Amino acid sequence: MQILAGLAFLLTAATHTPSTVPVPVPKLKAQSACTVVTKAEIEAALGRPVSNGVEHKDTAQTTCDYTGGEGQITIALGHSPDKLDPDAEIAGLRKALPKGALREITDVGTRAYFLDIPHAGAQLHVVRGEHDYLMVSVLGFGGPAQVSEAAMSIARKALNRL
């Protein structure tokens, strides 16, 4: 009889619907530019060693700079309380760097474009949603053709963590 009572208990427990009381989920720690991509991931993308990242923060963004040889990689994360205006940003970049070439890309973020800087490298600017942006700058490691793939790889790693 005790065996049947035990079996009845197991069957009841196995068919019991768990409580639907929500379990609080802890808020995720805000990402910074130095934590959204690892040094090892940057080195893998570039194919060469870089320094540890040096972080800079202000109220609107966080940046992280890595150096290697004569080059520098900068990752910037930002959040704007106002809706971002990519067209105004593009116009500003064209004015500031008239020799730079802008090319839009469609397979990352809400809107994204490369700023190719001849003989220096490239910056990948990514708008995500209406208020958040990511910029990956790879300068001093070759021209745009040599560094664009590394910038894209770094940006994808970062966006997957945000």
N, C-alpha and C. Protein backbone atom coordinates (compact mmCIF):
# COMPACT_ATOMS: atom_id res chain seq x y z
N MET A 1 0.81 -1.18 0.00
CA MET A 1 0.00 0.00 0.00
C MET A 1 0.86 1.25 0.00
N GLN A 2 1.99 1.21 0.73
CA GLN A 2 2.88 2.37 0.76
C GLN A 2 3.47 2.61 -0.63
N ILE A 3 3.69 1.54 -1.39
CA ILE A 3 4.24 1.70 -2.73
C ILE A 3 3.23 2.42 -3.60
N LEU A 4 1.94 2.04 -3.48
CA LEU A 4 0.91 2.71 -4.27
C LEU A 4 0.76 4.17 -3.85
N ALA A 5 0.88 4.45 -2.57
CA ALA A 5 0.78 5.83 -2.09
C ALA A 5 1.95 6.64 -2.64
N GLY A 6 3.15 6.06 -2.63
CA GLY A 6 4.32 6.75 -3.18
C GLY A 6 4.18 6.99 -4.67
N LEU A 7 3.65 5.98 -5.39
CA LEU A 7 3.45 6.11 -6.83
C LEU A 7 2.41 7.20 -7.11
N ALA A 8 1.37 7.26 -6.31
CA ALA A 8 0.34 8.29 -6.48
C ALA A 8 0.94 9.68 -6.26
N PHE A 9 1.81 9.80 -5.26
CA PHE A 9 2.48 11.08 -5.00
C PHE A 9 3.34 11.49 -6.19
N LEU A 10 4.14 10.54 -6.74
CA LEU A 10 5.00 10.84 -7.89
C LEU A 10 4.18 11.26 -9.10
N LEU A 11 3.08 10.56 -9.36
CA LEU A 11 2.23 10.92 -10.49
C LEU A 11 1.61 12.30 -10.30
N THR A 12 1.21 12.60 -9.09
CA THR A 12 0.64 13.91 -8.81
C THR A 12 1.69 14.99 -8.99
N ALA A 13 2.89 14.73 -8.49
CA ALA A 13 3.97 15.71 -8.61
C ALA A 13 4.37 15.89 -10.07
N ALA A 14 4.39 14.81 -10.83
CA ALA A 14 4.79 14.89 -12.24
C ALA A 14 3.78 15.61 -13.09
N THR A 15 2.52 15.60 -12.71
CA THR A 15 1.48 16.25 -13.51
C THR A 15 1.09 17.61 -12.95
N HIS A 16 1.71 18.02 -11.87
CA HIS A 16 1.41 19.30 -11.25
C HIS A 16 1.92 20.43 -12.14
N THR A 17 1.08 21.42 -12.40
CA THR A 17 1.48 22.59 -13.17
C THR A 17 2.20 23.55 -12.24
N PRO A 18 3.42 23.94 -12.61
CA PRO A 18 4.17 24.85 -11.74
C PRO A 18 3.46 26.19 -11.61
N SER A 19 3.75 26.88 -10.55
CA SER A 19 3.17 28.19 -10.29
C SER A 19 3.56 29.17 -11.40
N THR A 20 2.64 30.07 -11.72
CA THR A 20 2.92 31.06 -12.76
C THR A 20 3.34 32.39 -12.16
N VAL A 21 3.73 32.40 -10.91
CA VAL A 21 4.19 33.63 -10.27
C VAL A 21 5.50 34.03 -10.95
N PRO A 22 5.58 35.23 -11.51
CA PRO A 22 6.81 35.63 -12.20
C PRO A 22 7.98 35.74 -11.23
N VAL A 23 9.11 35.27 -11.70
CA VAL A 23 10.34 35.38 -10.92
C VAL A 23 11.05 36.63 -11.39
N PRO A 24 11.42 37.53 -10.49
CA PRO A 24 12.09 38.76 -10.92
C PRO A 24 13.41 38.44 -11.61
N VAL A 25 13.64 39.11 -12.74
CA VAL A 25 14.89 38.95 -13.48
C VAL A 25 15.76 40.15 -13.18
N PRO A 26 17.01 39.90 -12.76
CA PRO A 26 17.87 41.04 -12.46
C PRO A 26 18.15 41.86 -13.71
N LYS A 27 18.23 43.17 -13.53
CA LYS A 27 18.54 44.04 -14.65
C LYS A 27 19.97 43.78 -15.10
N LEU A 28 20.17 43.82 -16.42
CA LEU A 28 21.51 43.64 -16.94
C LEU A 28 22.34 44.88 -16.68
N LYS A 29 23.59 44.67 -16.38
CA LYS A 29 24.50 45.78 -16.18
C LYS A 29 24.69 46.48 -17.53
N ALA A 30 24.69 47.77 -17.52
CA ALA A 30 24.89 48.53 -18.76
C ALA A 30 26.25 48.19 -19.34
N GLN A 31 26.28 47.98 -20.64
CA GLN A 31 27.53 47.67 -21.32
C GLN A 31 28.34 48.94 -21.49
N SER A 32 29.65 48.78 -21.46
CA SER A 32 30.54 49.88 -21.80
C SER A 32 31.31 49.47 -23.04
N ALA A 33 31.93 50.43 -23.68
CA ALA A 33 32.67 50.15 -24.90
C ALA A 33 33.82 49.17 -24.67
N CYS A 34 34.35 49.11 -23.46
CA CYS A 34 35.45 48.18 -23.17
C CYS A 34 34.97 46.78 -22.78
N THR A 35 33.68 46.62 -22.53
CA THR A 35 33.18 45.28 -22.17
C THR A 35 32.35 44.64 -23.27
N VAL A 36 31.93 45.41 -24.25
CA VAL A 36 31.05 44.89 -25.28
C VAL A 36 31.80 44.01 -26.28
N VAL A 37 33.11 44.18 -26.39
CA VAL A 37 33.96 43.34 -27.23
C VAL A 37 35.24 43.09 -26.44
N THR A 38 35.76 41.88 -26.52
CA THR A 38 36.98 41.56 -25.77
C THR A 38 38.22 41.90 -26.58
N LYS A 39 39.31 42.07 -25.88
CA LYS A 39 40.60 42.30 -26.51
C LYS A 39 40.93 41.14 -27.46
N ALA A 40 40.67 39.92 -27.03
CA ALA A 40 40.95 38.74 -27.87
C ALA A 40 40.14 38.77 -29.16
N GLU A 41 38.88 39.23 -29.09
CA GLU A 41 38.05 39.32 -30.29
C GLU A 41 38.57 40.38 -31.26
N ILE A 42 39.05 41.47 -30.71
CA ILE A 42 39.64 42.52 -31.56
C ILE A 42 40.91 41.99 -32.21
N GLU A 43 41.74 41.31 -31.44
CA GLU A 43 42.98 40.75 -32.00
C GLU A 43 42.67 39.72 -33.09
N ALA A 44 41.66 38.92 -32.88
CA ALA A 44 41.29 37.92 -33.89
C ALA A 44 40.80 38.60 -35.17
N ALA A 45 40.03 39.68 -35.03
CA ALA A 45 39.51 40.39 -36.19
C ALA A 45 40.64 41.07 -36.98
N LEU A 46 41.61 41.62 -36.25
CA LEU A 46 42.71 42.32 -36.90
C LEU A 46 43.84 41.40 -37.34
N GLY A 47 43.96 40.28 -36.64
CA GLY A 47 45.07 39.38 -36.93
C GLY A 47 46.39 39.86 -36.36
N ARG A 48 46.32 40.66 -35.31
CA ARG A 48 47.54 41.17 -34.65
C ARG A 48 47.23 41.58 -33.22
N PRO A 49 48.25 41.65 -32.36
CA PRO A 49 48.01 42.01 -30.97
C PRO A 49 47.71 43.51 -30.80
N VAL A 50 46.92 43.80 -29.77
CA VAL A 50 46.62 45.18 -29.41
C VAL A 50 46.78 45.34 -27.90
N SER A 51 46.86 46.58 -27.47
CA SER A 51 46.97 46.88 -26.04
C SER A 51 45.65 46.60 -25.34
N ASN A 52 45.68 46.64 -24.02
CA ASN A 52 44.43 46.61 -23.26
C ASN A 52 43.66 47.88 -23.57
N GLY A 53 42.35 47.80 -23.51
CA GLY A 53 41.52 48.97 -23.81
C GLY A 53 41.59 50.03 -22.73
N VAL A 54 41.51 51.28 -23.15
CA VAL A 54 41.47 52.42 -22.23
C VAL A 54 40.11 53.08 -22.43
N GLU A 55 39.33 53.10 -21.35
CA GLU A 55 37.96 53.59 -21.44
C GLU A 55 37.86 55.07 -21.08
N HIS A 56 36.94 55.73 -21.80
CA HIS A 56 36.60 57.13 -21.54
C HIS A 56 35.08 57.20 -21.50
N LYS A 57 34.54 57.87 -20.49
CA LYS A 57 33.09 57.98 -20.35
C LYS A 57 32.69 59.44 -20.21
N ASP A 58 31.54 59.76 -20.80
CA ASP A 58 30.88 61.02 -20.50
C ASP A 58 29.38 60.72 -20.42
N THR A 59 28.58 61.74 -20.34
CA THR A 59 27.15 61.49 -20.13
C THR A 59 26.47 60.86 -21.33
N ALA A 60 26.99 61.09 -22.54
CA ALA A 60 26.31 60.61 -23.74
C ALA A 60 26.89 59.32 -24.31
N GLN A 61 28.15 59.02 -24.00
CA GLN A 61 28.76 57.84 -24.61
C GLN A 61 29.93 57.32 -23.79
N THR A 62 30.32 56.12 -24.16
CA THR A 62 31.52 55.51 -23.61
C THR A 62 32.38 55.08 -24.80
N THR A 63 33.68 55.31 -24.70
CA THR A 63 34.58 54.89 -25.75
C THR A 63 35.69 54.04 -25.16
N CYS A 64 36.28 53.22 -26.01
CA CYS A 64 37.39 52.38 -25.59
C CYS A 64 38.42 52.38 -26.71
N ASP A 65 39.66 52.71 -26.38
CA ASP A 65 40.73 52.77 -27.36
C ASP A 65 41.72 51.64 -27.14
N TYR A 66 42.07 50.97 -28.22
CA TYR A 66 43.08 49.92 -28.24
C TYR A 66 44.15 50.37 -29.25
N THR A 67 45.41 50.11 -28.96
CA THR A 67 46.46 50.46 -29.90
C THR A 67 47.28 49.22 -30.23
N GLY A 68 47.89 49.28 -31.40
CA GLY A 68 48.77 48.21 -31.84
C GLY A 68 49.69 48.77 -32.90
N GLY A 69 50.98 48.78 -32.63
CA GLY A 69 51.91 49.39 -33.58
C GLY A 69 51.57 50.85 -33.76
N GLU A 70 51.35 51.25 -35.01
CA GLU A 70 51.00 52.64 -35.31
C GLU A 70 49.50 52.85 -35.42
N GLY A 71 48.71 51.82 -35.15
CA GLY A 71 47.27 51.91 -35.35
C GLY A 71 46.47 52.04 -34.07
N GLN A 72 45.22 52.42 -34.23
CA GLN A 72 44.30 52.55 -33.09
C GLN A 72 42.92 52.07 -33.50
N ILE A 73 42.30 51.33 -32.59
CA ILE A 73 40.93 50.91 -32.73
C ILE A 73 40.14 51.63 -31.66
N THR A 74 39.06 52.26 -32.04
CA THR A 74 38.18 52.92 -31.08
C THR A 74 36.79 52.35 -31.23
N ILE A 75 36.20 51.98 -30.11
CA ILE A 75 34.81 51.54 -30.07
C ILE A 75 34.06 52.58 -29.26
N ALA A 76 32.97 53.08 -29.80
CA ALA A 76 32.14 54.06 -29.10
C ALA A 76 30.71 53.56 -29.05
N LEU A 77 30.12 53.64 -27.87
CA LEU A 77 28.70 53.31 -27.67
C LEU A 77 28.02 54.57 -27.16
N GLY A 78 26.87 54.86 -27.70
CA GLY A 78 26.18 56.04 -27.24
C GLY A 78 24.68 55.87 -27.22
N HIS A 79 24.06 56.67 -26.40
CA HIS A 79 22.60 56.71 -26.32
C HIS A 79 22.20 58.18 -26.30
N SER A 80 21.32 58.55 -27.20
CA SER A 80 20.83 59.92 -27.27
C SER A 80 19.40 59.98 -26.76
N PRO A 81 19.10 60.93 -25.89
CA PRO A 81 17.71 61.07 -25.46
C PRO A 81 16.82 61.53 -26.62
N ASP A 82 17.42 62.19 -27.58
CA ASP A 82 16.69 62.63 -28.78
C ASP A 82 16.86 61.58 -29.87
N LYS A 83 15.91 61.55 -30.78
CA LYS A 83 15.98 60.64 -31.91
C LYS A 83 17.20 61.02 -32.76
N LEU A 84 18.00 60.00 -33.10
CA LEU A 84 19.19 60.24 -33.92
C LEU A 84 18.80 60.61 -35.34
N ASP A 85 19.64 61.42 -35.97
CA ASP A 85 19.40 61.85 -37.35
C ASP A 85 20.61 61.43 -38.18
N PRO A 86 20.61 60.20 -38.71
CA PRO A 86 21.77 59.73 -39.48
C PRO A 86 22.11 60.62 -40.68
N ASP A 87 21.12 61.21 -41.33
CA ASP A 87 21.40 62.07 -42.47
C ASP A 87 22.21 63.30 -42.05
N ALA A 88 21.89 63.87 -40.90
CA ALA A 88 22.66 65.01 -40.39
C ALA A 88 24.07 64.57 -40.01
N GLU A 89 24.21 63.38 -39.43
CA GLU A 89 25.54 62.86 -39.09
C GLU A 89 26.38 62.67 -40.35
N ILE A 90 25.78 62.10 -41.38
CA ILE A 90 26.49 61.88 -42.64
C ILE A 90 26.93 63.22 -43.24
N ALA A 91 26.06 64.21 -43.22
CA ALA A 91 26.41 65.54 -43.74
C ALA A 91 27.57 66.14 -42.95
N GLY A 92 27.54 65.96 -41.63
CA GLY A 92 28.62 66.47 -40.79
C GLY A 92 29.95 65.79 -41.08
N LEU A 93 29.91 64.46 -41.30
CA LEU A 93 31.13 63.74 -41.63
C LEU A 93 31.67 64.16 -42.99
N ARG A 94 30.79 64.35 -43.94
CA ARG A 94 31.23 64.79 -45.28
C ARG A 94 31.90 66.15 -45.22
N LYS A 95 31.38 67.03 -44.37
CA LYS A 95 31.95 68.36 -44.23
C LYS A 95 33.31 68.29 -43.51
N ALA A 96 33.37 67.48 -42.45
CA ALA A 96 34.61 67.38 -41.67
C ALA A 96 35.72 66.63 -42.41
N LEU A 97 35.35 65.63 -43.21
CA LEU A 97 36.33 64.81 -43.93
C LEU A 97 35.95 64.73 -45.40
N PRO A 98 36.14 65.82 -46.14
CA PRO A 98 35.69 65.83 -47.54
C PRO A 98 36.37 64.79 -48.43
N LYS A 99 37.54 64.31 -48.05
CA LYS A 99 38.22 63.28 -48.85
C LYS A 99 37.77 61.87 -48.47
N GLY A 100 37.01 61.76 -47.42
CA GLY A 100 36.48 60.46 -47.01
C GLY A 100 35.32 60.05 -47.91
N ALA A 101 35.18 58.76 -48.09
CA ALA A 101 34.08 58.25 -48.91
C ALA A 101 33.08 57.53 -48.00
N LEU A 102 31.82 57.86 -48.16
CA LEU A 102 30.77 57.22 -47.37
C LEU A 102 30.09 56.14 -48.21
N ARG A 103 29.89 54.98 -47.59
CA ARG A 103 29.14 53.91 -48.26
C ARG A 103 28.20 53.28 -47.25
N GLU A 104 26.95 53.23 -47.61
CA GLU A 104 25.93 52.64 -46.73
C GLU A 104 25.97 51.13 -46.87
N ILE A 105 25.68 50.46 -45.76
CA ILE A 105 25.55 49.00 -45.76
C ILE A 105 24.20 48.66 -45.15
N THR A 106 23.66 47.53 -45.54
CA THR A 106 22.29 47.22 -45.15
C THR A 106 22.14 46.01 -44.24
N ASP A 107 23.21 45.31 -43.94
CA ASP A 107 23.04 44.06 -43.20
C ASP A 107 23.41 44.16 -41.72
N VAL A 108 23.41 45.36 -41.17
CA VAL A 108 23.72 45.52 -39.75
C VAL A 108 22.99 46.75 -39.21
N GLY A 109 22.37 46.61 -38.03
CA GLY A 109 21.70 47.73 -37.39
C GLY A 109 20.48 48.23 -38.15
N THR A 110 19.92 49.34 -37.68
CA THR A 110 18.80 49.99 -38.33
C THR A 110 19.28 50.73 -39.56
N ARG A 111 20.43 51.37 -39.42
CA ARG A 111 21.09 52.06 -40.53
C ARG A 111 22.57 52.06 -40.22
N ALA A 112 23.38 51.81 -41.24
CA ALA A 112 24.83 51.74 -41.03
C ALA A 112 25.57 52.21 -42.27
N TYR A 113 26.74 52.77 -42.04
CA TYR A 113 27.57 53.23 -43.14
C TYR A 113 29.04 53.22 -42.72
N PHE A 114 29.88 53.02 -43.71
CA PHE A 114 31.32 53.12 -43.52
C PHE A 114 31.76 54.51 -43.94
N LEU A 115 32.69 55.07 -43.20
CA LEU A 115 33.43 56.24 -43.62
C LEU A 115 34.83 55.73 -43.94
N ASP A 116 35.14 55.65 -45.23
CA ASP A 116 36.44 55.20 -45.68
C ASP A 116 37.38 56.40 -45.75
N ILE A 117 38.50 56.29 -45.06
CA ILE A 117 39.47 57.37 -45.02
C ILE A 117 40.72 56.88 -45.76
N PRO A 118 40.98 57.45 -46.95
CA PRO A 118 42.09 56.96 -47.76
C PRO A 118 43.41 56.93 -46.99
N HIS A 119 44.12 55.85 -47.15
CA HIS A 119 45.45 55.64 -46.56
C HIS A 119 45.44 55.62 -45.03
N ALA A 120 44.28 55.61 -44.41
CA ALA A 120 44.22 55.63 -42.95
C ALA A 120 43.41 54.46 -42.39
N GLY A 121 42.26 54.15 -42.99
CA GLY A 121 41.42 53.07 -42.48
C GLY A 121 39.96 53.36 -42.71
N ALA A 122 39.14 52.91 -41.78
CA ALA A 122 37.69 53.06 -41.93
C ALA A 122 37.02 53.16 -40.57
N GLN A 123 35.88 53.81 -40.57
CA GLN A 123 35.01 53.87 -39.41
C GLN A 123 33.66 53.29 -39.83
N LEU A 124 33.13 52.42 -38.99
CA LEU A 124 31.80 51.87 -39.22
C LEU A 124 30.86 52.50 -38.21
N HIS A 125 29.84 53.19 -38.71
CA HIS A 125 28.85 53.85 -37.87
C HIS A 125 27.55 53.07 -37.99
N VAL A 126 27.00 52.66 -36.83
CA VAL A 126 25.78 51.85 -36.83
C VAL A 126 24.76 52.51 -35.91
N VAL A 127 23.57 52.77 -36.45
CA VAL A 127 22.45 53.25 -35.65
C VAL A 127 21.59 52.04 -35.35
N ARG A 128 21.24 51.90 -34.09
CA ARG A 128 20.38 50.78 -33.68
C ARG A 128 19.13 51.37 -33.03
N GLY A 129 17.98 51.12 -33.62
CA GLY A 129 16.76 51.75 -33.14
C GLY A 129 16.79 53.22 -33.51
N GLU A 130 16.29 54.06 -32.62
CA GLU A 130 16.26 55.50 -32.90
C GLU A 130 17.17 56.31 -32.00
N HIS A 131 17.73 55.67 -30.96
CA HIS A 131 18.48 56.44 -29.98
C HIS A 131 19.89 55.91 -29.69
N ASP A 132 20.22 54.73 -30.18
CA ASP A 132 21.50 54.11 -29.84
C ASP A 132 22.40 53.99 -31.05
N TYR A 133 23.71 54.15 -30.80
CA TYR A 133 24.66 54.01 -31.89
C TYR A 133 25.94 53.33 -31.41
N LEU A 134 26.61 52.78 -32.40
CA LEU A 134 27.90 52.12 -32.20
C LEU A 134 28.81 52.63 -33.31
N MET A 135 30.04 52.93 -32.95
CA MET A 135 31.03 53.30 -33.95
C MET A 135 32.28 52.46 -33.69
N VAL A 136 32.79 51.85 -34.75
CA VAL A 136 34.04 51.10 -34.68
C VAL A 136 35.00 51.75 -35.66
N SER A 137 36.07 52.29 -35.15
CA SER A 137 37.07 52.98 -35.97
C SER A 137 38.35 52.14 -35.97
N VAL A 138 38.84 51.82 -37.16
CA VAL A 138 40.07 51.06 -37.30
C VAL A 138 40.99 51.89 -38.19
N LEU A 139 41.94 52.56 -37.57
CA LEU A 139 42.83 53.48 -38.28
C LEU A 139 44.29 53.09 -38.05
N GLY A 140 45.09 53.24 -39.11
CA GLY A 140 46.53 52.99 -39.00
C GLY A 140 46.95 51.55 -39.22
N PHE A 141 46.01 50.69 -39.64
CA PHE A 141 46.31 49.28 -39.90
C PHE A 141 46.20 48.96 -41.39
N GLY A 142 46.07 49.98 -42.22
CA GLY A 142 45.89 49.80 -43.66
C GLY A 142 44.74 50.65 -44.13
N GLY A 143 44.53 50.63 -45.43
CA GLY A 143 43.45 51.41 -46.01
C GLY A 143 42.10 50.76 -45.77
N PRO A 144 41.04 51.41 -46.24
CA PRO A 144 39.69 50.88 -46.04
C PRO A 144 39.50 49.44 -46.49
N ALA A 145 40.08 49.08 -47.61
CA ALA A 145 39.91 47.71 -48.12
C ALA A 145 40.53 46.68 -47.18
N GLN A 146 41.58 47.06 -46.48
CA GLN A 146 42.26 46.13 -45.57
C GLN A 146 41.59 46.03 -44.20
N VAL A 147 40.85 47.04 -43.77
CA VAL A 147 40.34 47.04 -42.39
C VAL A 147 38.81 46.96 -42.26
N SER A 148 38.08 47.12 -43.36
CA SER A 148 36.61 47.13 -43.27
C SER A 148 36.06 45.83 -42.71
N GLU A 149 36.61 44.71 -43.12
CA GLU A 149 36.13 43.42 -42.63
C GLU A 149 36.35 43.28 -41.12
N ALA A 150 37.50 43.76 -40.64
CA ALA A 150 37.76 43.72 -39.19
C ALA A 150 36.76 44.60 -38.44
N ALA A 151 36.49 45.79 -38.96
CA ALA A 151 35.53 46.69 -38.31
C ALA A 151 34.15 46.04 -38.26
N MET A 152 33.75 45.39 -39.34
CA MET A 152 32.45 44.73 -39.38
C MET A 152 32.40 43.57 -38.38
N SER A 153 33.45 42.79 -38.29
CA SER A 153 33.50 41.67 -37.34
C SER A 153 33.37 42.17 -35.91
N ILE A 154 34.10 43.22 -35.58
CA ILE A 154 34.05 43.80 -34.23
C ILE A 154 32.65 44.34 -33.94
N ALA A 155 32.06 45.02 -34.91
CA ALA A 155 30.71 45.59 -34.72
C ALA A 155 29.68 44.49 -34.49
N ARG A 156 29.76 43.41 -35.24
CA ARG A 156 28.80 42.31 -35.07
C ARG A 156 28.90 41.71 -33.67
N LYS A 157 30.13 41.54 -33.18
CA LYS A 157 30.32 41.00 -31.82
C LYS A 157 29.66 41.94 -30.82
N ALA A 158 29.90 43.24 -30.97
CA ALA A 158 29.33 44.21 -30.05
C ALA A 158 27.81 44.22 -30.10
N LEU A 159 27.25 44.25 -31.30
CA LEU A 159 25.80 44.31 -31.44
C LEU A 159 25.12 43.06 -30.88
N ASN A 160 25.78 41.93 -30.97
CA ASN A 160 25.21 40.69 -30.40
C ASN A 160 25.14 40.74 -28.88
N ARG A 161 25.90 41.61 -28.26
CA ARG A 161 25.90 41.71 -26.79
C ARG A 161 25.04 42.84 -26.26
N LEU A 162 24.57 43.67 -27.14
CA LEU A 162 23.77 44.82 -26.67
C LEU A 162 22.30 44.48 -26.60
